[in-house]
Amino acid sequence: MNENEISYKIIGAAIEIHKIVGPGLLESAYENALAFDLKEMGLNVKQQVPMPFIYKNVKQDIGYRIDLVVNNKVIIEVKSIETLAPVHYAQTLTYLRLSGLKLALLINFNNKILRDNIHRIVNNL
């Protein structure tokens, strides 16, 4: 399954969750629900994935954590905030670059219409 096929399943699951519970919950609630639904679909899902960070030959074992990684191909950054800021897009793109993956979805669940708050971010895809 390629990145686009995986992202299609992720977006469908996110929209279903949002239809059922709506906006207003903590990010962790949406992250856990999304992880559960994606695993039920048979996808490999890792949560709060620690990633090393190397700067000037100094390695930090856990430099940052990725919310979800699906099938070792797609990053999901979950937000539940009023409005996404440019830094959220930059953060997600940085996660892609540092992980070497090609596709991320930045999803902000704290909105009336989820469809307008799902953003694809690519890194050499």
N, C-alpha and C. Protein backbone atom coordinates (compact mmCIF):
# COMPACT_ATOMS: atom_id res chain seq x y z
N MET A 1 0.85 -1.17 0.00
CA MET A 1 0.00 0.00 0.00
C MET A 1 0.90 1.24 0.00
N ASN A 2 0.65 2.16 -0.93
CA ASN A 2 1.48 3.35 -1.01
C ASN A 2 0.95 4.46 -0.09
N GLU A 3 1.71 5.55 -0.03
CA GLU A 3 1.36 6.67 0.87
C GLU A 3 -0.02 7.24 0.59
N ASN A 4 -0.36 7.38 -0.68
CA ASN A 4 -1.66 7.97 -1.02
C ASN A 4 -2.82 7.06 -0.61
N GLU A 5 -2.66 5.77 -0.78
CA GLU A 5 -3.70 4.82 -0.37
C GLU A 5 -3.87 4.84 1.15
N ILE A 6 -2.75 4.91 1.86
CA ILE A 6 -2.80 4.97 3.33
C ILE A 6 -3.47 6.27 3.78
N SER A 7 -3.10 7.39 3.15
CA SER A 7 -3.68 8.68 3.55
C SER A 7 -5.19 8.71 3.31
N TYR A 8 -5.65 8.06 2.27
CA TYR A 8 -7.08 7.99 1.99
C TYR A 8 -7.81 7.31 3.15
N LYS A 9 -7.24 6.21 3.65
CA LYS A 9 -7.84 5.50 4.78
C LYS A 9 -7.80 6.34 6.05
N ILE A 10 -6.68 7.04 6.26
CA ILE A 10 -6.54 7.88 7.45
C ILE A 10 -7.58 9.00 7.44
N ILE A 11 -7.72 9.66 6.31
CA ILE A 11 -8.68 10.76 6.20
C ILE A 11 -10.10 10.27 6.44
N GLY A 12 -10.44 9.13 5.89
CA GLY A 12 -11.77 8.55 6.12
C GLY A 12 -12.02 8.27 7.59
N ALA A 13 -11.02 7.70 8.26
CA ALA A 13 -11.15 7.40 9.69
C ALA A 13 -11.27 8.68 10.50
N ALA A 14 -10.49 9.69 10.18
CA ALA A 14 -10.54 10.96 10.91
C ALA A 14 -11.91 11.63 10.76
N ILE A 15 -12.44 11.61 9.56
CA ILE A 15 -13.76 12.21 9.33
C ILE A 15 -14.83 11.46 10.11
N GLU A 16 -14.74 10.15 10.15
CA GLU A 16 -15.70 9.34 10.90
C GLU A 16 -15.64 9.66 12.39
N ILE A 17 -14.44 9.76 12.94
CA ILE A 17 -14.27 10.11 14.35
C ILE A 17 -14.90 11.47 14.63
N HIS A 18 -14.61 12.43 13.76
CA HIS A 18 -15.12 13.79 13.95
C HIS A 18 -16.65 13.83 13.88
N LYS A 19 -17.23 13.03 12.99
CA LYS A 19 -18.70 12.96 12.90
C LYS A 19 -19.31 12.44 14.19
N ILE A 20 -18.62 11.48 14.80
CA ILE A 20 -19.15 10.85 16.02
C ILE A 20 -18.96 11.71 17.26
N VAL A 21 -17.75 12.25 17.45
CA VAL A 21 -17.48 12.96 18.71
C VAL A 21 -17.41 14.47 18.57
N GLY A 22 -17.20 14.98 17.35
CA GLY A 22 -17.15 16.42 17.14
C GLY A 22 -15.88 17.06 17.69
N PRO A 23 -15.84 18.39 17.67
CA PRO A 23 -14.67 19.11 18.18
C PRO A 23 -14.71 19.26 19.69
N GLY A 24 -13.59 19.71 20.26
CA GLY A 24 -13.57 20.08 21.67
C GLY A 24 -12.84 19.15 22.61
N LEU A 25 -12.37 18.01 22.12
CA LEU A 25 -11.64 17.09 22.99
C LEU A 25 -10.14 17.39 22.95
N LEU A 26 -9.40 16.77 23.85
CA LEU A 26 -7.95 16.91 23.85
C LEU A 26 -7.34 16.16 22.67
N GLU A 27 -6.17 16.59 22.25
CA GLU A 27 -5.47 15.92 21.16
C GLU A 27 -5.30 14.44 21.43
N SER A 28 -5.00 14.08 22.67
CA SER A 28 -4.76 12.68 23.01
C SER A 28 -5.99 11.81 22.75
N ALA A 29 -7.17 12.35 22.95
CA ALA A 29 -8.40 11.58 22.69
C ALA A 29 -8.53 11.27 21.20
N TYR A 30 -8.31 12.28 20.37
CA TYR A 30 -8.39 12.06 18.92
C TYR A 30 -7.28 11.12 18.45
N GLU A 31 -6.08 11.29 19.00
CA GLU A 31 -4.96 10.43 18.62
C GLU A 31 -5.28 8.97 18.95
N ASN A 32 -5.77 8.72 20.16
CA ASN A 32 -6.09 7.35 20.56
C ASN A 32 -7.22 6.76 19.73
N ALA A 33 -8.24 7.55 19.44
CA ALA A 33 -9.35 7.06 18.62
C ALA A 33 -8.88 6.74 17.21
N LEU A 34 -8.05 7.62 16.65
CA LEU A 34 -7.55 7.40 15.30
C LEU A 34 -6.65 6.17 15.25
N ALA A 35 -5.79 6.02 16.22
CA ALA A 35 -4.93 4.83 16.28
C ALA A 35 -5.78 3.56 16.35
N PHE A 36 -6.80 3.58 17.19
CA PHE A 36 -7.67 2.41 17.34
C PHE A 36 -8.33 2.06 16.00
N ASP A 37 -8.96 3.05 15.36
CA ASP A 37 -9.67 2.79 14.10
C ASP A 37 -8.73 2.30 13.00
N LEU A 38 -7.55 2.89 12.92
CA LEU A 38 -6.60 2.48 11.88
C LEU A 38 -6.09 1.06 12.12
N LYS A 39 -5.88 0.71 13.38
CA LYS A 39 -5.48 -0.67 13.70
C LYS A 39 -6.60 -1.64 13.35
N GLU A 40 -7.84 -1.23 13.60
CA GLU A 40 -8.99 -2.07 13.24
C GLU A 40 -9.07 -2.31 11.73
N MET A 41 -8.54 -1.37 10.95
CA MET A 41 -8.50 -1.51 9.49
C MET A 41 -7.35 -2.40 9.03
N GLY A 42 -6.52 -2.84 9.99
CA GLY A 42 -5.40 -3.70 9.65
C GLY A 42 -4.11 -2.96 9.35
N LEU A 43 -4.08 -1.67 9.64
CA LEU A 43 -2.86 -0.89 9.41
C LEU A 43 -1.93 -1.00 10.62
N ASN A 44 -0.65 -0.88 10.36
CA ASN A 44 0.36 -0.87 11.43
C ASN A 44 0.47 0.56 11.94
N VAL A 45 0.15 0.77 13.21
CA VAL A 45 0.13 2.12 13.78
C VAL A 45 1.04 2.18 15.00
N LYS A 46 1.93 3.16 15.00
CA LYS A 46 2.78 3.42 16.16
C LYS A 46 2.41 4.79 16.71
N GLN A 47 2.30 4.88 18.04
CA GLN A 47 1.95 6.14 18.70
C GLN A 47 3.13 6.72 19.46
N GLN A 48 3.19 8.04 19.49
CA GLN A 48 4.22 8.77 20.24
C GLN A 48 5.60 8.17 19.97
N VAL A 49 5.94 8.14 18.69
CA VAL A 49 7.16 7.50 18.24
C VAL A 49 8.36 8.40 18.56
N PRO A 50 9.27 7.94 19.43
CA PRO A 50 10.45 8.75 19.75
C PRO A 50 11.42 8.73 18.57
N MET A 51 11.92 9.90 18.23
CA MET A 51 12.87 10.02 17.13
C MET A 51 14.14 10.68 17.65
N PRO A 52 15.29 10.12 17.28
CA PRO A 52 16.54 10.74 17.71
C PRO A 52 16.77 12.06 16.98
N PHE A 53 17.56 12.89 17.58
CA PHE A 53 17.93 14.17 16.99
C PHE A 53 19.44 14.31 17.11
N ILE A 54 20.09 14.56 15.97
CA ILE A 54 21.54 14.69 15.97
C ILE A 54 21.89 16.11 15.54
N TYR A 55 22.67 16.76 16.37
CA TYR A 55 23.11 18.12 16.08
C TYR A 55 24.59 18.23 16.41
N LYS A 56 25.38 18.56 15.40
CA LYS A 56 26.83 18.70 15.56
C LYS A 56 27.44 17.49 16.28
N ASN A 57 27.08 16.31 15.78
CA ASN A 57 27.58 15.03 16.30
C ASN A 57 27.16 14.72 17.73
N VAL A 58 26.19 15.44 18.24
CA VAL A 58 25.64 15.14 19.56
C VAL A 58 24.26 14.53 19.32
N LYS A 59 24.08 13.30 19.79
CA LYS A 59 22.83 12.59 19.55
C LYS A 59 21.98 12.59 20.81
N GLN A 60 20.73 13.03 20.63
CA GLN A 60 19.72 12.92 21.68
C GLN A 60 18.84 11.74 21.27
N ASP A 61 18.71 10.75 22.15
CA ASP A 61 17.92 9.57 21.79
C ASP A 61 16.48 9.92 21.49
N ILE A 62 15.93 10.85 22.25
CA ILE A 62 14.55 11.29 21.98
C ILE A 62 14.59 12.80 21.82
N GLY A 63 14.68 13.24 20.57
CA GLY A 63 14.70 14.66 20.29
C GLY A 63 13.30 15.21 20.13
N TYR A 64 12.40 14.35 19.69
CA TYR A 64 11.01 14.74 19.50
C TYR A 64 10.17 13.47 19.37
N ARG A 65 8.87 13.63 19.41
CA ARG A 65 7.95 12.49 19.27
C ARG A 65 6.94 12.78 18.17
N ILE A 66 6.75 11.79 17.33
CA ILE A 66 5.75 11.89 16.28
C ILE A 66 4.45 11.28 16.82
N ASP A 67 3.33 11.99 16.64
CA ASP A 67 2.06 11.51 17.18
C ASP A 67 1.74 10.09 16.69
N LEU A 68 1.66 9.92 15.38
CA LEU A 68 1.34 8.61 14.81
C LEU A 68 2.17 8.38 13.55
N VAL A 69 2.61 7.14 13.37
CA VAL A 69 3.24 6.72 12.13
C VAL A 69 2.48 5.49 11.65
N VAL A 70 2.00 5.54 10.42
CA VAL A 70 1.16 4.47 9.87
C VAL A 70 1.94 3.73 8.78
N ASN A 71 2.02 2.41 8.95
CA ASN A 71 2.71 1.52 8.00
C ASN A 71 4.14 1.98 7.70
N ASN A 72 4.76 2.65 8.63
CA ASN A 72 6.12 3.17 8.46
C ASN A 72 6.25 4.06 7.23
N LYS A 73 5.13 4.69 6.82
CA LYS A 73 5.14 5.51 5.61
C LYS A 73 4.52 6.89 5.79
N VAL A 74 3.54 7.01 6.66
CA VAL A 74 2.79 8.27 6.78
C VAL A 74 2.80 8.74 8.23
N ILE A 75 3.16 10.01 8.41
CA ILE A 75 3.11 10.65 9.72
C ILE A 75 1.77 11.34 9.87
N ILE A 76 1.20 11.24 11.07
CA ILE A 76 0.00 12.02 11.38
C ILE A 76 0.33 12.90 12.58
N GLU A 77 0.16 14.20 12.39
CA GLU A 77 0.32 15.16 13.47
C GLU A 77 -1.09 15.61 13.85
N VAL A 78 -1.50 15.29 15.07
CA VAL A 78 -2.85 15.58 15.55
C VAL A 78 -2.85 16.87 16.36
N LYS A 79 -3.77 17.75 16.03
CA LYS A 79 -3.96 18.99 16.78
C LYS A 79 -5.43 19.12 17.17
N SER A 80 -5.65 19.85 18.24
CA SER A 80 -7.00 20.21 18.65
C SER A 80 -6.93 21.63 19.19
N ILE A 81 -6.77 22.56 18.27
CA ILE A 81 -6.57 23.96 18.61
C ILE A 81 -7.50 24.83 17.77
N GLU A 82 -7.62 26.10 18.16
CA GLU A 82 -8.54 27.00 17.45
C GLU A 82 -8.12 27.18 15.99
N THR A 83 -6.85 27.50 15.77
CA THR A 83 -6.37 27.76 14.42
C THR A 83 -4.93 27.27 14.29
N LEU A 84 -4.65 26.62 13.18
CA LEU A 84 -3.28 26.21 12.90
C LEU A 84 -2.44 27.44 12.55
N ALA A 85 -1.22 27.46 13.03
CA ALA A 85 -0.28 28.54 12.75
C ALA A 85 0.79 28.02 11.79
N PRO A 86 1.51 28.91 11.13
CA PRO A 86 2.58 28.47 10.23
C PRO A 86 3.58 27.53 10.90
N VAL A 87 3.82 27.70 12.18
CA VAL A 87 4.77 26.84 12.88
C VAL A 87 4.32 25.38 12.91
N HIS A 88 3.02 25.13 12.89
CA HIS A 88 2.53 23.75 12.89
C HIS A 88 2.87 23.05 11.58
N TYR A 89 2.76 23.77 10.47
CA TYR A 89 3.14 23.22 9.17
C TYR A 89 4.65 22.97 9.13
N ALA A 90 5.41 23.95 9.62
CA ALA A 90 6.87 23.83 9.65
C ALA A 90 7.30 22.65 10.52
N GLN A 91 6.67 22.50 11.67
CA GLN A 91 6.98 21.39 12.58
C GLN A 91 6.75 20.05 11.88
N THR A 92 5.63 19.92 11.20
CA THR A 92 5.30 18.67 10.53
C THR A 92 6.28 18.39 9.40
N LEU A 93 6.64 19.42 8.64
CA LEU A 93 7.62 19.23 7.56
C LEU A 93 8.98 18.84 8.13
N THR A 94 9.36 19.43 9.25
CA THR A 94 10.62 19.06 9.90
C THR A 94 10.59 17.60 10.33
N TYR A 95 9.47 17.14 10.88
CA TYR A 95 9.33 15.72 11.25
C TYR A 95 9.54 14.84 10.03
N LEU A 96 8.97 15.23 8.89
CA LEU A 96 9.14 14.45 7.67
C LEU A 96 10.61 14.39 7.28
N ARG A 97 11.25 15.53 7.25
CA ARG A 97 12.66 15.57 6.85
C ARG A 97 13.54 14.72 7.76
N LEU A 98 13.36 14.89 9.07
CA LEU A 98 14.21 14.16 10.02
C LEU A 98 13.93 12.67 10.02
N SER A 99 12.70 12.28 9.72
CA SER A 99 12.36 10.85 9.72
C SER A 99 12.69 10.19 8.38
N GLY A 100 12.82 10.99 7.33
CA GLY A 100 13.07 10.44 6.01
C GLY A 100 11.80 9.96 5.31
N LEU A 101 10.65 10.20 5.91
CA LEU A 101 9.38 9.80 5.29
C LEU A 101 8.93 10.86 4.30
N LYS A 102 7.93 10.52 3.47
CA LYS A 102 7.54 11.39 2.37
C LYS A 102 6.21 12.10 2.54
N LEU A 103 5.33 11.58 3.40
CA LEU A 103 3.99 12.17 3.51
C LEU A 103 3.56 12.29 4.96
N ALA A 104 2.98 13.43 5.27
CA ALA A 104 2.39 13.65 6.59
C ALA A 104 1.01 14.27 6.42
N LEU A 105 0.16 13.99 7.38
CA LEU A 105 -1.14 14.64 7.46
C LEU A 105 -1.18 15.43 8.75
N LEU A 106 -1.46 16.71 8.64
CA LEU A 106 -1.65 17.58 9.79
C LEU A 106 -3.15 17.75 9.93
N ILE A 107 -3.70 17.23 11.03
CA ILE A 107 -5.16 17.21 11.21
C ILE A 107 -5.52 17.99 12.47
N ASN A 108 -6.34 19.03 12.29
CA ASN A 108 -6.83 19.82 13.43
C ASN A 108 -8.30 19.47 13.65
N PHE A 109 -8.56 18.71 14.71
CA PHE A 109 -9.92 18.23 15.00
C PHE A 109 -10.82 19.29 15.63
N ASN A 110 -10.28 20.39 16.09
CA ASN A 110 -11.08 21.36 16.84
C ASN A 110 -11.74 22.38 15.92
N ASN A 111 -12.48 21.90 14.96
CA ASN A 111 -13.20 22.75 14.02
C ASN A 111 -14.54 22.14 13.68
N LYS A 112 -15.44 22.99 13.22
CA LYS A 112 -16.78 22.52 12.89
C LYS A 112 -16.76 21.55 11.70
N ILE A 113 -15.94 21.87 10.69
CA ILE A 113 -15.85 21.03 9.49
C ILE A 113 -14.43 20.51 9.38
N LEU A 114 -14.25 19.23 9.57
CA LEU A 114 -12.91 18.64 9.59
C LEU A 114 -12.26 18.66 8.21
N ARG A 115 -13.03 18.45 7.18
CA ARG A 115 -12.50 18.36 5.81
C ARG A 115 -11.57 19.54 5.47
N ASP A 116 -11.91 20.72 5.98
CA ASP A 116 -11.12 21.92 5.70
C ASP A 116 -9.89 22.02 6.58
N ASN A 117 -9.70 21.08 7.49
CA ASN A 117 -8.61 21.14 8.46
C ASN A 117 -7.72 19.91 8.42
N ILE A 118 -7.67 19.27 7.26
CA ILE A 118 -6.75 18.17 7.02
C ILE A 118 -5.78 18.64 5.94
N HIS A 119 -4.51 18.64 6.26
CA HIS A 119 -3.50 19.18 5.36
C HIS A 119 -2.44 18.13 5.05
N ARG A 120 -2.20 17.93 3.76
CA ARG A 120 -1.15 17.03 3.29
C ARG A 120 0.14 17.81 3.20
N ILE A 121 1.19 17.27 3.78
CA ILE A 121 2.50 17.89 3.71
C ILE A 121 3.45 16.84 3.15
N VAL A 122 4.18 17.21 2.12
CA VAL A 122 5.01 16.22 1.43
C VAL A 122 6.49 16.59 1.50
N ASN A 123 7.30 15.55 1.41
CA ASN A 123 8.75 15.66 1.41
C ASN A 123 9.27 14.76 0.29
N ASN A 124 9.48 15.31 -0.88
CA ASN A 124 9.97 14.56 -2.04
C ASN A 124 9.06 13.40 -2.44
N LEU A 125 7.76 13.61 -2.35
CA LEU A 125 6.81 12.55 -2.76
C LEU A 125 6.50 12.69 -4.23
